[in-house]
Amino acid sequence: MIQTRYDQLWHRWLTYLVGWFACFQLGHLIVLLVFLTDPIRYTKLFQPPEGWTTQGIDFLIGWSVADASLAVISLLAVLSWFRDAKHAALLLFVIINLTFYSALLFLSINIRLGTFANSPLLSALATLGYLPVLFLGYGLFQHTRTSEVQQCNFRV
């Protein structure tokens, strides 16, 4: 298959974004594992003004376990991208959608509870660090729509 210069640059740009996603998910996994070692201590970083309830902390622990699992699966999908697996872009696109919904849930809960007011720097880092992932999601959507989907004889 002959690739144009544009296709090569596009693939290189996607590879840089996939690398960023890997770093982001690795950092996210480390933060989640640290949180899971002592949830009571680390919930004080994102504490609502009235404090966490026991039910709220239990929810955060369960959500952290699910999110850590998603981070591990994300890292495996990134590995498949760098090994040029056949459907790596499609797999990454699906996983980025899942991470997007998790990030949206995190953002909406923290806005609702008012926890961002206690730690604006951590909140800004968590939010701004995710922005390149949105560009990656769009790029993977374009990539899968134009290459893999057509190779599978699906109609767009």
C-alpha atoms as a PDB file:
ATOM      1  CA  MET A   1       0.000   0.000   0.000  1.00  0.00           C
ATOM      2  CA  ILE A   2       1.451   3.336  -1.050  1.00  0.00           C
ATOM      3  CA  GLN A   3       1.232   6.034   1.555  1.00  0.00           C
ATOM      4  CA  THR A   4       1.370   9.727   0.850  1.00  0.00           C
ATOM      5  CA  ARG A   5       3.538  12.080   2.862  1.00  0.00           C
ATOM      6  CA  TYR A   6       0.381  13.292   4.591  1.00  0.00           C
ATOM      7  CA  ASP A   7      -0.497   9.735   5.692  1.00  0.00           C
ATOM      8  CA  GLN A   8       2.993   9.228   7.085  1.00  0.00           C
ATOM      9  CA  LEU A   9       2.845  12.496   9.053  1.00  0.00           C
ATOM     10  CA  TRP A  10      -0.652  11.668  10.300  1.00  0.00           C
ATOM     11  CA  HIS A  11       0.494   8.242  11.509  1.00  0.00           C
ATOM     12  CA  ARG A  12       3.541   9.784  13.215  1.00  0.00           C
ATOM     13  CA  TRP A  13       1.329  12.360  14.962  1.00  0.00           C
ATOM     14  CA  LEU A  14      -1.009   9.582  16.131  1.00  0.00           C
ATOM     15  CA  THR A  15       1.995   7.622  17.412  1.00  0.00           C
ATOM     16  CA  TYR A  16       3.121  10.619  19.495  1.00  0.00           C
ATOM     17  CA  LEU A  17      -0.383  10.937  20.934  1.00  0.00           C
ATOM     18  CA  VAL A  18      -0.509   7.205  21.677  1.00  0.00           C
ATOM     19  CA  GLY A  19       2.802   7.640  23.519  1.00  0.00           C
ATOM     20  CA  TRP A  20       1.279  10.500  25.528  1.00  0.00           C
ATOM     21  CA  PHE A  21      -1.735   8.329  26.308  1.00  0.00           C
ATOM     22  CA  ALA A  22       0.598   5.574  27.556  1.00  0.00           C
ATOM     23  CA  CYS A  23       2.435   8.015  29.837  1.00  0.00           C
ATOM     24  CA  PHE A  24      -0.863   9.469  31.064  1.00  0.00           C
ATOM     25  CA  GLN A  25      -2.317   6.032  31.804  1.00  0.00           C
ATOM     26  CA  LEU A  26       0.882   4.850  33.498  1.00  0.00           C
ATOM     27  CA  GLY A  27       0.831   7.923  35.747  1.00  0.00           C
ATOM     28  CA  HIS A  28      -2.879   7.409  36.344  1.00  0.00           C
ATOM     29  CA  LEU A  29      -2.277   3.773  37.291  1.00  0.00           C
ATOM     30  CA  ILE A  30       0.452   4.763  39.761  1.00  0.00           C
ATOM     31  CA  VAL A  31      -1.809   7.391  41.363  1.00  0.00           C
ATOM     32  CA  LEU A  32      -4.652   4.875  41.638  1.00  0.00           C
ATOM     33  CA  LEU A  33      -2.424   2.214  43.185  1.00  0.00           C
ATOM     34  CA  VAL A  34      -1.073   4.739  45.708  1.00  0.00           C
ATOM     35  CA  PHE A  35      -4.654   5.778  46.500  1.00  0.00           C
ATOM     36  CA  LEU A  36      -5.691   2.145  47.007  1.00  0.00           C
ATOM     37  CA  THR A  37      -2.882   1.603  49.556  1.00  0.00           C
ATOM     38  CA  ASP A  38      -4.496   4.086  51.967  1.00  0.00           C
ATOM     39  CA  PRO A  39      -7.809   5.480  50.676  1.00  0.00           C
ATOM     40  CA  ILE A  40      -8.697   7.356  53.860  1.00  0.00           C
ATOM     41  CA  ARG A  41      -5.459   9.344  53.789  1.00  0.00           C
ATOM     42  CA  TYR A  42      -5.608  10.234  50.096  1.00  0.00           C
ATOM     43  CA  THR A  43      -9.296  11.170  49.954  1.00  0.00           C
ATOM     44  CA  LYS A  44      -8.290  14.331  51.826  1.00  0.00           C
ATOM     45  CA  LEU A  45      -6.711  15.617  48.599  1.00  0.00           C
ATOM     46  CA  PHE A  46     -10.118  15.753  46.903  1.00  0.00           C
ATOM     47  CA  GLN A  47     -12.367  16.269  49.883  1.00  0.00           C
ATOM     48  CA  PRO A  48     -15.748  17.985  49.640  1.00  0.00           C
ATOM     49  CA  PRO A  49     -16.332  20.827  52.117  1.00  0.00           C
ATOM     50  CA  GLU A  50     -18.521  18.601  54.330  1.00  0.00           C
ATOM     51  CA  GLY A  51     -16.151  15.599  54.130  1.00  0.00           C
ATOM     52  CA  TRP A  52     -16.542  12.140  52.625  1.00  0.00           C
ATOM     53  CA  THR A  53     -19.160   9.700  53.796  1.00  0.00           C
ATOM     54  CA  THR A  54     -18.294   6.024  54.248  1.00  0.00           C
ATOM     55  CA  GLN A  55     -20.452   5.238  51.242  1.00  0.00           C
ATOM     56  CA  GLY A  56     -18.574   7.833  49.182  1.00  0.00           C
ATOM     57  CA  ILE A  57     -15.187   6.356  50.102  1.00  0.00           C
ATOM     58  CA  ASP A  58     -16.440   2.853  49.248  1.00  0.00           C
ATOM     59  CA  PHE A  59     -17.588   4.161  45.871  1.00  0.00           C
ATOM     60  CA  LEU A  60     -14.170   5.737  45.245  1.00  0.00           C
ATOM     61  CA  ILE A  61     -12.395   2.488  46.106  1.00  0.00           C
ATOM     62  CA  GLY A  62     -14.577   0.470  43.721  1.00  0.00           C
ATOM     63  CA  TRP A  63     -14.239   3.066  41.005  1.00  0.00           C
ATOM     64  CA  SER A  64     -10.457   3.150  41.487  1.00  0.00           C
ATOM     65  CA  VAL A  65     -10.194  -0.617  41.078  1.00  0.00           C
ATOM     66  CA  ALA A  66     -12.246  -0.452  37.863  1.00  0.00           C
ATOM     67  CA  ASP A  67     -10.227   2.523  36.614  1.00  0.00           C
ATOM     68  CA  ALA A  68      -6.924   0.792  37.419  1.00  0.00           C
ATOM     69  CA  SER A  69      -8.108  -2.219  35.408  1.00  0.00           C
ATOM     70  CA  LEU A  70      -8.944   0.074  32.511  1.00  0.00           C
ATOM     71  CA  ALA A  71      -5.484   1.668  32.772  1.00  0.00           C
ATOM     72  CA  VAL A  72      -3.828  -1.755  32.514  1.00  0.00           C
ATOM     73  CA  ILE A  73      -5.974  -2.660  29.496  1.00  0.00           C
ATOM     74  CA  SER A  74      -5.094   0.719  27.973  1.00  0.00           C
ATOM     75  CA  LEU A  75      -1.392   0.009  28.330  1.00  0.00           C
ATOM     76  CA  LEU A  76      -1.867  -3.364  26.631  1.00  0.00           C
ATOM     77  CA  ALA A  77      -3.715  -1.633  23.773  1.00  0.00           C
ATOM     78  CA  VAL A  78      -0.873   0.878  23.446  1.00  0.00           C
ATOM     79  CA  LEU A  79       1.547  -2.029  23.231  1.00  0.00           C
ATOM     80  CA  SER A  80      -0.538  -3.483  20.394  1.00  0.00           C
ATOM     81  CA  TRP A  81      -0.332  -0.113  18.584  1.00  0.00           C
ATOM     82  CA  PHE A  82       3.454  -0.070  18.785  1.00  0.00           C
ATOM     83  CA  ARG A  83       3.588  -3.662  17.550  1.00  0.00           C
ATOM     84  CA  ASP A  84       1.404  -2.716  14.560  1.00  0.00           C
ATOM     85  CA  ALA A  85      -1.375  -5.128  15.442  1.00  0.00           C
ATOM     86  CA  LYS A  86      -4.139  -5.294  12.855  1.00  0.00           C
ATOM     87  CA  HIS A  87      -6.974  -3.721  14.854  1.00  0.00           C
ATOM     88  CA  ALA A  88      -4.922  -1.704  17.353  1.00  0.00           C
ATOM     89  CA  ALA A  89      -6.421   1.633  16.285  1.00  0.00           C
ATOM     90  CA  LEU A  90      -9.963   0.335  16.680  1.00  0.00           C
ATOM     91  CA  LEU A  91      -9.145  -1.164  20.086  1.00  0.00           C
ATOM     92  CA  LEU A  92      -7.546   2.077  21.237  1.00  0.00           C
ATOM     93  CA  PHE A  93     -10.541   4.057  19.998  1.00  0.00           C
ATOM     94  CA  VAL A  94     -12.921   1.923  22.072  1.00  0.00           C
ATOM     95  CA  ILE A  95     -10.680   2.183  25.144  1.00  0.00           C
ATOM     96  CA  ILE A  96     -10.371   5.951  24.779  1.00  0.00           C
ATOM     97  CA  ASN A  97     -14.151   6.169  24.756  1.00  0.00           C
ATOM     98  CA  LEU A  98     -14.235   4.247  28.035  1.00  0.00           C
ATOM     99  CA  THR A  99     -11.572   6.491  29.570  1.00  0.00           C
ATOM    100  CA  PHE A 100     -13.507   9.525  28.344  1.00  0.00           C
ATOM    101  CA  TYR A 101     -16.631   8.403  30.187  1.00  0.00           C
ATOM    102  CA  SER A 102     -14.580   7.712  33.302  1.00  0.00           C
ATOM    103  CA  ALA A 103     -12.958  11.157  33.103  1.00  0.00           C
ATOM    104  CA  LEU A 104     -16.363  12.764  32.531  1.00  0.00           C
ATOM    105  CA  LEU A 105     -17.756  10.963  35.572  1.00  0.00           C
ATOM    106  CA  PHE A 106     -14.750  12.080  37.643  1.00  0.00           C
ATOM    107  CA  LEU A 107     -15.177  15.659  36.513  1.00  0.00           C
ATOM    108  CA  SER A 108     -18.935  15.791  37.062  1.00  0.00           C
ATOM    109  CA  ILE A 109     -18.775  14.228  40.534  1.00  0.00           C
ATOM    110  CA  ASN A 110     -16.009  16.570  41.636  1.00  0.00           C
ATOM    111  CA  ILE A 111     -17.803  19.623  40.290  1.00  0.00           C
ATOM    112  CA  ARG A 112     -21.028  18.534  41.999  1.00  0.00           C
ATOM    113  CA  LEU A 113     -19.311  17.916  45.343  1.00  0.00           C
ATOM    114  CA  GLY A 114     -17.147  21.027  45.149  1.00  0.00           C
ATOM    115  CA  THR A 115     -13.877  19.129  45.646  1.00  0.00           C
ATOM    116  CA  PHE A 116     -11.978  21.143  43.039  1.00  0.00           C
ATOM    117  CA  ALA A 117     -12.023  24.182  45.297  1.00  0.00           C
ATOM    118  CA  ASN A 118      -9.788  22.374  47.831  1.00  0.00           C
ATOM    119  CA  SER A 119      -7.104  21.430  45.304  1.00  0.00           C
ATOM    120  CA  PRO A 120      -7.265  23.525  42.139  1.00  0.00           C
ATOM    121  CA  LEU A 121      -3.726  22.601  41.026  1.00  0.00           C
ATOM    122  CA  LEU A 122      -4.406  18.837  41.110  1.00  0.00           C
ATOM    123  CA  SER A 123      -7.705  19.416  39.366  1.00  0.00           C
ATOM    124  CA  ALA A 124      -6.084  21.451  36.610  1.00  0.00           C
ATOM    125  CA  LEU A 125      -3.362  18.828  36.104  1.00  0.00           C
ATOM    126  CA  ALA A 126      -5.913  16.014  35.875  1.00  0.00           C
ATOM    127  CA  THR A 127      -8.053  17.945  33.400  1.00  0.00           C
ATOM    128  CA  LEU A 128      -5.302  19.420  31.212  1.00  0.00           C
ATOM    129  CA  GLY A 129      -3.389  16.140  31.091  1.00  0.00           C
ATOM    130  CA  TYR A 130      -6.383  14.481  29.483  1.00  0.00           C
ATOM    131  CA  LEU A 131      -6.864  17.024  26.661  1.00  0.00           C
ATOM    132  CA  PRO A 132      -4.374  15.395  24.226  1.00  0.00           C
ATOM    133  CA  VAL A 133      -6.280  12.140  24.681  1.00  0.00           C
ATOM    134  CA  LEU A 134      -9.342  13.808  23.156  1.00  0.00           C
ATOM    135  CA  PHE A 135      -7.304  14.693  20.059  1.00  0.00           C
ATOM    136  CA  LEU A 136      -6.065  11.107  19.948  1.00  0.00           C
ATOM    137  CA  GLY A 137      -9.651   9.849  20.061  1.00  0.00           C
ATOM    138  CA  TYR A 138     -10.558  12.027  17.090  1.00  0.00           C
ATOM    139  CA  GLY A 139      -7.448  10.954  15.195  1.00  0.00           C
ATOM    140  CA  LEU A 140      -8.116   7.278  15.847  1.00  0.00           C
ATOM    141  CA  PHE A 141     -11.712   7.736  14.743  1.00  0.00           C
ATOM    142  CA  GLN A 142     -10.486   9.172  11.438  1.00  0.00           C
ATOM    143  CA  HIS A 143      -7.869   6.444  11.125  1.00  0.00           C
ATOM    144  CA  THR A 144     -10.263   3.573  11.768  1.00  0.00           C
ATOM    145  CA  ARG A 145     -12.953   5.114   9.591  1.00  0.00           C
ATOM    146  CA  THR A 146     -10.670   5.444   6.589  1.00  0.00           C
ATOM    147  CA  SER A 147      -8.510   2.333   6.843  1.00  0.00           C
ATOM    148  CA  GLU A 148      -9.654  -0.570   8.995  1.00  0.00           C
ATOM    149  CA  VAL A 149     -13.362  -0.202   8.428  1.00  0.00           C
ATOM    150  CA  GLN A 150     -12.913  -0.124   4.658  1.00  0.00           C
ATOM    151  CA  GLN A 151     -10.603  -3.154   4.794  1.00  0.00           C
ATOM    152  CA  CYS A 152     -13.318  -5.100   6.618  1.00  0.00           C
ATOM    153  CA  ASN A 153     -15.787  -4.201   3.825  1.00  0.00           C
ATOM    154  CA  PHE A 154     -18.064  -2.286   6.166  1.00  0.00           C
ATOM    155  CA  ARG A 155     -19.970   0.651   4.811  1.00  0.00           C
ATOM    156  CA  VAL A 156     -19.407   4.016   6.457  1.00  0.00           C
END
